[in-house]
Amino acid sequence: MGTSKRSDRQPTINDVARISGVSKKTVSRVINRSPLLKADTREKVEKVIAKLGYVPNPQARALALRRNFLLGLLHDNPNAQTVLNFQEGVLDAIRTTNFALVVRPVDRHSPDLLADVRDFLEKQRPYGVFMLPPISENEELAQLCREMDCTYVRMGSTHLDQPQFLVESNDREVVATAVDHLVEIGHQRIGFIEGPAGFRSAHERREGFLDGLKRHGLDLPETWHAPGQYTFDSGIDAAERILDSDPRPTAIFASNDEMAAATLHVARQRGMFVPEDLSIIGFDDSPIAAHIWPPLTTVRWPIQAMAKAAALKLVRPAEAQDQPSRFPSDLVRRSSVAPPRR
C-alpha cells in the first residue's frame, strides 16, 4: 500500500501570489510596504502570507524585483561625522548579509536633482535607499522613489512619512530640555547658534530653543543669536558675533557639536574660562564632544541606532513593525556647563 509523502517545501512568493489571486509584483509591493496598493489588496495578501507562514527571502526578492544587493545612501549634508555615523549603523545591520552600501552625494540645490537621482536608481537598481536630511525632507524625491518602486527610509527631526519609511528624532523637545537645564542652574542670558537654512533639524532645534526660553519668560535678543552652517568655521563666525555683544550671554547653545567646539575655541582665544565665564551646550554627542577640554555637555542624537533600524526596515520589511520609528535624544551632562558667575 502506498503512503502519502508530506512535502516539507517552504512556501514561496509564487504560492502567495497564486492563492491571493494577484501578481508576484503585487506580493513584492506588499512585502516592501509600498504605498501604491489598495488597502483591501494589502490585507488579502497579508492574510495569505500569515496563513502559509511565508518568510520573504532577501535574495529571492532582489532577483524578482531585478535589483542588486545594494543599499543607496543619498545625502547632501555638510557634517561628515553625521554621514559617517549613519554609515556605521547601516553596516552594523547588514554585516552578516549579502547587502552592500553605496554612498551617493547629491546637490539639493541643483535643478537636476530629481533627474540625477532617477539616473542613479535606473543604473544601479538598488534594493532600497536611505535619505539623510535635508534631502529626506524633499517630498518630490520620496515620490520619485515610490514611482520607481524603490523602497526607502527617510531620516528626519520630525514626522515626515509613514512609520515604515521613517526614522525620526525629537529635536524640538530635547533642546527645550537643554534650556531648562541652563535656567535651573541660574542662567538668564542664553545665546543661540542656529543651523543652516533649509534644514528641518535646524528649524526644529531653533523652535525647541525658543520654546524653552518662552516657558521661563526669557527673550533672545538679536545680538545673542547667529546663523551657522553645522561647520566649525561657521561656528567661529557665529561665536565671535555673539561674544562681541554687551552684555554678552553667560551660556550658548550651539545646534551641533562642531559649532559648539568652535564656540569653545573662540572663548579660549578671548581669555574666557569655560564653564566659569561661559557655559556651552552642543548637539550630536559626536566624538569631538568627549575629546575636547572641557568635555561638552551635549544632546546625544542616537544616529547609529536610527541607521541600524532604517537598514532593518529595508532588508527585513516583514519585521518592520518591530523596528521603532521615533528615537528620543537625551542630554549628556559634562563639564562645559556650570552656574554663572555671581
Protein backbone atom coordinates (compact mmCIF):
# COMPACT_ATOMS: atom_id res chain seq x y z
CA MET A 1 0.00 0.00 0.00
CA GLY A 2 1.41 3.36 -0.96
CA THR A 3 1.96 6.07 1.59
CA SER A 4 1.47 9.76 1.06
CA LYS A 5 4.55 11.83 1.22
CA ARG A 6 4.27 15.11 3.10
CA SER A 7 6.07 17.98 1.43
CA ASP A 8 8.47 19.99 3.59
CA ARG A 9 8.85 22.58 0.87
CA GLN A 10 8.76 26.14 2.18
CA PRO A 11 6.06 28.38 0.70
CA THR A 12 7.31 30.73 -1.99
CA ILE A 13 6.28 34.12 -3.27
CA ASN A 14 4.67 32.28 -6.22
CA ASP A 15 2.46 30.36 -3.79
CA VAL A 16 1.38 33.59 -2.12
CA ALA A 17 0.61 35.20 -5.49
CA ARG A 18 -1.36 32.16 -6.74
CA ILE A 19 -3.51 31.78 -3.63
CA SER A 20 -4.06 35.54 -3.33
CA GLY A 21 -5.01 35.84 -6.97
CA VAL A 22 -2.54 38.65 -7.59
CA SER A 23 0.73 39.06 -9.43
CA LYS A 24 4.12 38.35 -7.91
CA LYS A 25 4.94 42.03 -8.25
CA THR A 26 1.92 42.90 -6.13
CA VAL A 27 3.09 40.49 -3.44
CA SER A 28 6.52 42.12 -3.57
CA ARG A 29 4.89 45.51 -3.10
CA VAL A 30 3.02 44.23 -0.06
CA ILE A 31 6.23 42.86 1.41
CA ASN A 32 8.04 46.13 0.73
CA ARG A 33 5.12 48.12 2.18
CA SER A 34 4.65 50.10 -1.00
CA PRO A 35 2.08 52.90 -0.60
CA LEU A 36 0.83 52.24 -4.15
CA LEU A 37 -1.56 49.44 -3.09
CA LYS A 38 -5.21 49.47 -2.13
CA ALA A 39 -5.90 48.62 1.49
CA ASP A 40 -8.08 45.59 0.66
CA THR A 41 -5.41 44.13 -1.63
CA ARG A 42 -2.74 44.57 1.02
CA GLU A 43 -4.95 42.95 3.66
CA LYS A 44 -5.81 39.98 1.42
CA VAL A 45 -2.15 39.26 0.62
CA GLU A 46 -1.02 39.71 4.22
CA LYS A 47 -3.60 37.16 5.36
CA VAL A 48 -2.26 34.60 2.85
CA ILE A 49 1.33 35.31 3.95
CA ALA A 50 0.34 34.72 7.57
CA LYS A 51 -1.64 31.55 6.75
CA LEU A 52 1.19 30.00 4.72
CA GLY A 53 3.90 31.12 7.12
CA TYR A 54 5.77 32.63 4.21
CA VAL A 55 9.06 34.30 5.16
CA PRO A 56 10.43 36.68 2.48
CA ASN A 57 13.94 35.87 1.32
CA PRO A 58 16.04 38.96 0.54
CA GLN A 59 17.99 37.27 -2.24
CA ALA A 60 14.89 35.89 -3.94
CA ARG A 61 13.15 39.22 -3.60
CA ALA A 62 16.06 41.03 -5.15
CA LEU A 63 16.01 38.69 -8.14
CA ALA A 64 12.25 39.00 -8.51
CA LEU A 65 12.46 42.78 -8.45
CA ARG A 66 15.53 42.74 -10.72
CA ARG A 67 17.50 44.67 -8.15
CA ASN A 68 21.01 44.38 -6.80
CA PHE A 69 22.03 43.71 -3.22
CA LEU A 70 22.86 47.39 -2.90
CA LEU A 71 21.53 49.90 -0.41
CA GLY A 72 21.97 53.50 -1.51
CA LEU A 73 22.70 56.34 0.90
CA LEU A 74 21.61 59.66 -0.60
CA HIS A 75 22.85 62.75 1.20
CA ASP A 76 23.79 66.39 0.94
CA ASN A 77 24.97 67.04 4.48
CA PRO A 78 27.88 69.35 5.40
CA ASN A 79 28.66 67.40 8.57
CA ALA A 80 30.90 64.47 7.59
CA GLN A 81 30.56 62.93 11.06
CA THR A 82 26.79 62.63 10.65
CA VAL A 83 27.23 60.75 7.38
CA LEU A 84 29.93 58.53 8.88
CA ASN A 85 27.84 57.68 11.94
CA PHE A 86 24.89 56.75 9.76
CA GLN A 87 27.09 54.52 7.62
CA GLU A 88 28.37 52.72 10.71
CA GLY A 89 24.82 51.99 11.87
CA VAL A 90 23.83 50.60 8.47
CA LEU A 91 26.97 48.48 8.17
CA ASP A 92 26.33 47.02 11.61
CA ALA A 93 22.87 45.92 10.48
CA ILE A 94 23.99 44.32 7.20
CA ARG A 95 27.28 42.86 8.39
CA THR A 96 26.11 39.23 8.13
CA THR A 97 24.07 39.69 4.95
CA ASN A 98 24.87 39.87 1.24
CA PHE A 99 23.99 43.54 1.09
CA ALA A 100 26.45 46.34 0.43
CA LEU A 101 26.18 50.08 0.96
CA VAL A 102 26.72 52.64 -1.80
CA VAL A 103 27.10 56.28 -0.75
CA ARG A 104 25.79 58.82 -3.25
CA PRO A 105 26.32 62.54 -2.53
CA VAL A 106 23.82 64.83 -4.27
CA ASP A 107 23.31 68.56 -4.61
CA ARG A 108 19.98 69.60 -3.12
CA HIS A 109 20.21 72.98 -4.85
CA SER A 110 20.71 71.54 -8.32
CA PRO A 111 17.80 71.88 -10.77
CA ASP A 112 18.81 68.39 -11.95
CA LEU A 113 18.46 66.74 -8.52
CA LEU A 114 15.49 64.55 -9.45
CA ALA A 115 16.98 63.64 -12.83
CA ASP A 116 20.31 62.72 -11.19
CA VAL A 117 18.64 60.50 -8.59
CA ARG A 118 16.45 58.90 -11.24
CA ASP A 119 19.56 58.10 -13.26
CA PHE A 120 21.23 56.59 -10.19
CA LEU A 121 18.21 54.40 -9.42
CA GLU A 122 17.85 53.24 -13.02
CA LYS A 123 21.52 52.36 -13.45
CA GLN A 124 22.30 50.87 -10.03
CA ARG A 125 18.88 49.31 -9.31
CA PRO A 126 19.42 49.45 -5.54
CA TYR A 127 17.38 47.23 -3.27
CA GLY A 128 16.40 50.37 -1.36
CA VAL A 129 17.71 53.79 -0.39
CA PHE A 130 18.24 55.88 2.72
CA MET A 131 17.76 59.63 2.61
CA LEU A 132 19.52 61.86 5.13
CA PRO A 133 18.39 65.38 5.97
CA PRO A 134 17.89 67.79 4.41
CA ILE A 135 17.08 65.89 1.19
CA SER A 136 14.94 63.48 3.22
CA GLU A 137 12.56 66.42 3.59
CA ASN A 138 12.12 66.65 -0.19
CA GLU A 139 8.69 65.16 -0.89
CA GLU A 140 9.33 65.08 -4.65
CA LEU A 141 12.32 62.82 -4.06
CA ALA A 142 10.26 60.43 -1.95
CA GLN A 143 7.57 60.43 -4.64
CA LEU A 144 10.20 59.60 -7.26
CA CYS A 145 11.23 56.53 -5.25
CA ARG A 146 7.61 55.45 -4.99
CA GLU A 147 7.08 55.88 -8.74
CA MET A 148 10.17 53.76 -9.44
CA ASP A 149 9.01 51.13 -6.92
CA CYS A 150 12.21 51.63 -4.92
CA THR A 151 11.61 51.32 -1.22
CA TYR A 152 13.21 53.91 1.02
CA VAL A 153 13.66 55.13 4.59
CA ARG A 154 13.85 58.83 5.40
CA MET A 155 15.70 60.23 8.38
CA GLY A 156 14.31 63.36 9.99
CA SER A 157 13.97 65.54 13.05
CA THR A 158 10.19 65.38 12.91
CA HIS A 159 7.43 63.27 11.33
CA LEU A 160 7.94 63.10 7.54
CA ASP A 161 6.29 59.87 6.40
CA GLN A 162 4.59 56.66 7.42
CA PRO A 163 6.46 54.77 10.18
CA GLN A 164 7.78 52.04 7.87
CA PHE A 165 9.53 54.67 5.74
CA LEU A 166 10.89 56.80 8.56
CA VAL A 167 13.30 57.12 11.46
CA GLU A 168 12.90 60.35 13.42
CA SER A 169 14.25 62.10 16.50
CA ASN A 170 12.68 64.52 18.98
CA ASP A 171 14.97 67.51 18.45
CA ARG A 172 12.47 70.17 19.46
CA GLU A 173 11.64 68.62 22.83
CA VAL A 174 15.19 67.77 23.83
CA VAL A 175 16.56 71.24 23.01
CA ALA A 176 13.88 72.76 25.24
CA THR A 177 15.13 70.39 27.95
CA ALA A 178 18.67 71.71 27.45
CA VAL A 179 17.39 75.25 28.01
CA ASP A 180 15.61 74.05 31.16
CA HIS A 181 18.93 72.76 32.47
CA LEU A 182 20.69 76.07 31.91
CA VAL A 183 17.91 78.07 33.55
CA GLU A 184 17.68 75.71 36.50
CA ILE A 185 21.33 76.34 37.40
CA GLY A 186 20.94 80.09 37.13
CA HIS A 187 21.48 81.21 33.52
CA GLN A 188 19.23 84.01 32.27
CA ARG A 189 21.33 85.28 29.34
CA ILE A 190 21.49 82.43 26.84
CA GLY A 191 22.78 82.75 23.27
CA PHE A 192 21.93 80.56 20.32
CA ILE A 193 23.86 79.42 17.22
CA GLU A 194 21.41 78.22 14.61
CA GLY A 195 21.85 75.52 11.97
CA PRO A 196 21.71 76.16 8.21
CA ALA A 197 18.59 77.44 6.49
CA GLY A 198 16.72 74.71 4.65
CA PHE A 199 17.44 72.01 7.26
CA ARG A 200 14.37 70.83 9.16
CA SER A 201 16.70 69.84 12.02
CA ALA A 202 17.85 73.46 12.28
CA HIS A 203 14.24 74.63 12.36
CA GLU A 204 13.21 72.09 15.00
CA ARG A 205 16.19 72.91 17.23
CA ARG A 206 15.51 76.63 16.92
CA GLU A 207 11.85 76.16 17.82
CA GLY A 208 12.82 73.98 20.77
CA PHE A 209 15.24 76.65 21.98
CA LEU A 210 12.59 79.35 21.73
CA ASP A 211 10.04 77.07 23.45
CA GLY A 212 12.48 76.63 26.33
CA LEU A 213 13.07 80.36 26.67
CA LYS A 214 9.36 81.13 26.49
CA ARG A 215 8.36 78.84 29.31
CA HIS A 216 10.88 80.59 31.55
CA GLY A 217 9.84 84.08 30.46
CA LEU A 218 13.16 84.77 28.68
CA ASP A 219 13.89 86.51 25.38
CA LEU A 220 16.51 86.06 22.67
CA PRO A 221 17.99 89.44 21.71
CA GLU A 222 19.21 89.70 18.13
CA THR A 223 22.81 90.17 19.30
CA TRP A 224 22.72 86.81 21.13
CA HIS A 225 21.63 84.89 18.03
CA ALA A 226 23.73 84.00 14.97
CA PRO A 227 23.33 81.63 12.00
CA GLY A 228 25.69 78.74 11.34
CA GLN A 229 26.20 76.00 8.76
CA TYR A 230 26.87 72.99 11.01
CA THR A 231 30.61 73.52 10.37
CA PHE A 232 33.49 74.57 12.64
CA ASP A 233 34.31 77.67 10.59
CA SER A 234 30.73 78.91 10.65
CA GLY A 235 30.70 78.32 14.39
CA ILE A 236 33.75 80.56 14.75
CA ASP A 237 31.99 83.40 12.96
CA ALA A 238 28.77 82.93 14.94
CA ALA A 239 30.54 82.78 18.31
CA GLU A 240 32.59 85.89 17.50
CA ARG A 241 29.41 87.79 16.72
CA ILE A 242 27.59 86.71 19.87
CA LEU A 243 30.54 87.24 22.22
CA ASP A 244 31.02 90.75 20.84
CA SER A 245 27.68 91.73 22.38
CA ASP A 246 27.43 93.79 25.57
CA PRO A 247 26.21 92.38 27.82
CA ARG A 248 27.18 89.02 26.44
CA PRO A 249 25.45 85.73 27.27
CA THR A 250 26.60 83.56 30.15
CA ALA A 251 25.70 80.44 28.13
CA ILE A 252 25.43 79.48 24.45
CA PHE A 253 23.53 76.61 22.88
CA ALA A 254 25.03 75.60 19.53
CA SER A 255 22.93 73.48 17.15
CA ASN A 256 25.67 70.90 16.68
CA ASP A 257 28.95 69.85 18.29
CA GLU A 258 31.16 71.27 15.53
CA MET A 259 29.83 74.77 16.20
CA ALA A 260 29.91 74.22 19.97
CA ALA A 261 33.59 73.27 19.72
CA ALA A 262 34.19 76.41 17.68
CA THR A 263 32.50 78.46 20.41
CA LEU A 264 34.84 76.96 22.98
CA HIS A 265 37.79 77.86 20.75
CA VAL A 266 36.67 81.50 20.46
CA ALA A 267 36.07 81.77 24.19
CA ARG A 268 39.57 80.48 24.90
CA GLN A 269 41.10 82.93 22.43
CA ARG A 270 39.40 85.75 24.32
CA GLY A 271 40.82 84.60 27.64
CA MET A 272 37.48 83.32 28.88
CA PHE A 273 37.18 80.26 31.08
CA VAL A 274 34.68 77.52 30.23
CA PRO A 275 32.42 76.90 32.07
CA GLU A 276 33.15 79.63 34.66
CA ASP A 277 32.73 82.55 32.23
CA LEU A 278 30.69 80.80 29.56
CA SER A 279 28.68 77.57 29.57
CA ILE A 280 28.36 75.74 26.23
CA ILE A 281 25.97 73.03 25.05
CA GLY A 282 26.17 71.24 21.68
CA PHE A 283 24.08 68.70 19.81
CA ASP A 284 25.00 65.24 18.39
CA ASP A 285 27.34 63.74 21.02
CA SER A 286 29.90 63.20 18.28
CA PRO A 287 33.43 62.06 19.27
CA ILE A 288 34.63 65.66 19.39
CA ALA A 289 32.27 66.34 22.30
CA ALA A 290 34.03 63.94 24.64
CA HIS A 291 37.57 64.55 23.34
CA ILE A 292 37.92 68.32 23.79
CA TRP A 293 38.51 70.03 27.12
CA PRO A 294 36.38 70.61 28.95
CA PRO A 295 34.19 67.83 27.55
CA LEU A 296 31.00 69.19 26.05
CA THR A 297 27.58 68.93 27.55
CA THR A 298 25.55 67.94 24.51
CA VAL A 299 22.43 66.26 23.22
CA ARG A 300 23.04 62.64 22.34
CA TRP A 301 21.49 62.07 18.92
CA PRO A 302 21.10 58.28 18.50
CA ILE A 303 22.07 58.34 14.84
CA GLN A 304 23.70 54.90 14.74
CA ALA A 305 20.67 53.27 16.33
CA MET A 306 18.45 55.14 13.88
CA ALA A 307 20.58 53.98 10.96
CA LYS A 308 20.52 50.36 12.10
CA ALA A 309 16.74 50.42 12.42
CA ALA A 310 16.48 52.08 9.00
CA ALA A 311 18.57 49.30 7.45
CA LEU A 312 16.46 46.58 9.05
CA LYS A 313 13.34 48.25 7.68
CA LEU A 314 14.80 47.85 4.20
CA VAL A 315 16.29 44.36 4.36
CA ARG A 316 13.70 42.80 6.70
CA PRO A 317 10.43 44.58 5.88
CA ALA A 318 8.36 41.69 7.27
CA GLU A 319 9.76 42.66 10.67
CA ALA A 320 9.41 46.41 10.07
CA GLN A 321 6.64 46.76 12.62
CA ASP A 322 9.09 45.63 15.29
CA GLN A 323 11.51 48.43 14.41
CA PRO A 324 10.86 51.77 16.11
CA SER A 325 10.43 54.91 14.08
CA ARG A 326 10.95 57.50 16.82
CA PHE A 327 14.26 57.66 18.69
CA PRO A 328 14.35 60.03 21.67
CA SER A 329 17.53 62.02 22.24
CA ASP A 330 18.79 62.88 25.71
CA LEU A 331 21.01 65.49 27.33
CA VAL A 332 24.51 64.29 28.26
CA ARG A 333 25.85 66.44 31.09
CA ARG A 334 29.61 67.04 31.07
CA SER A 335 31.99 69.74 32.23
CA SER A 336 31.24 72.60 29.81
CA VAL A 337 28.25 73.79 31.85
CA ALA A 338 28.21 75.35 35.33
CA PRO A 339 26.22 78.03 37.16
CA PRO A 340 27.10 81.57 36.00
CA ARG A 341 29.50 83.72 37.99
CA ARG A 342 27.72 85.94 40.51
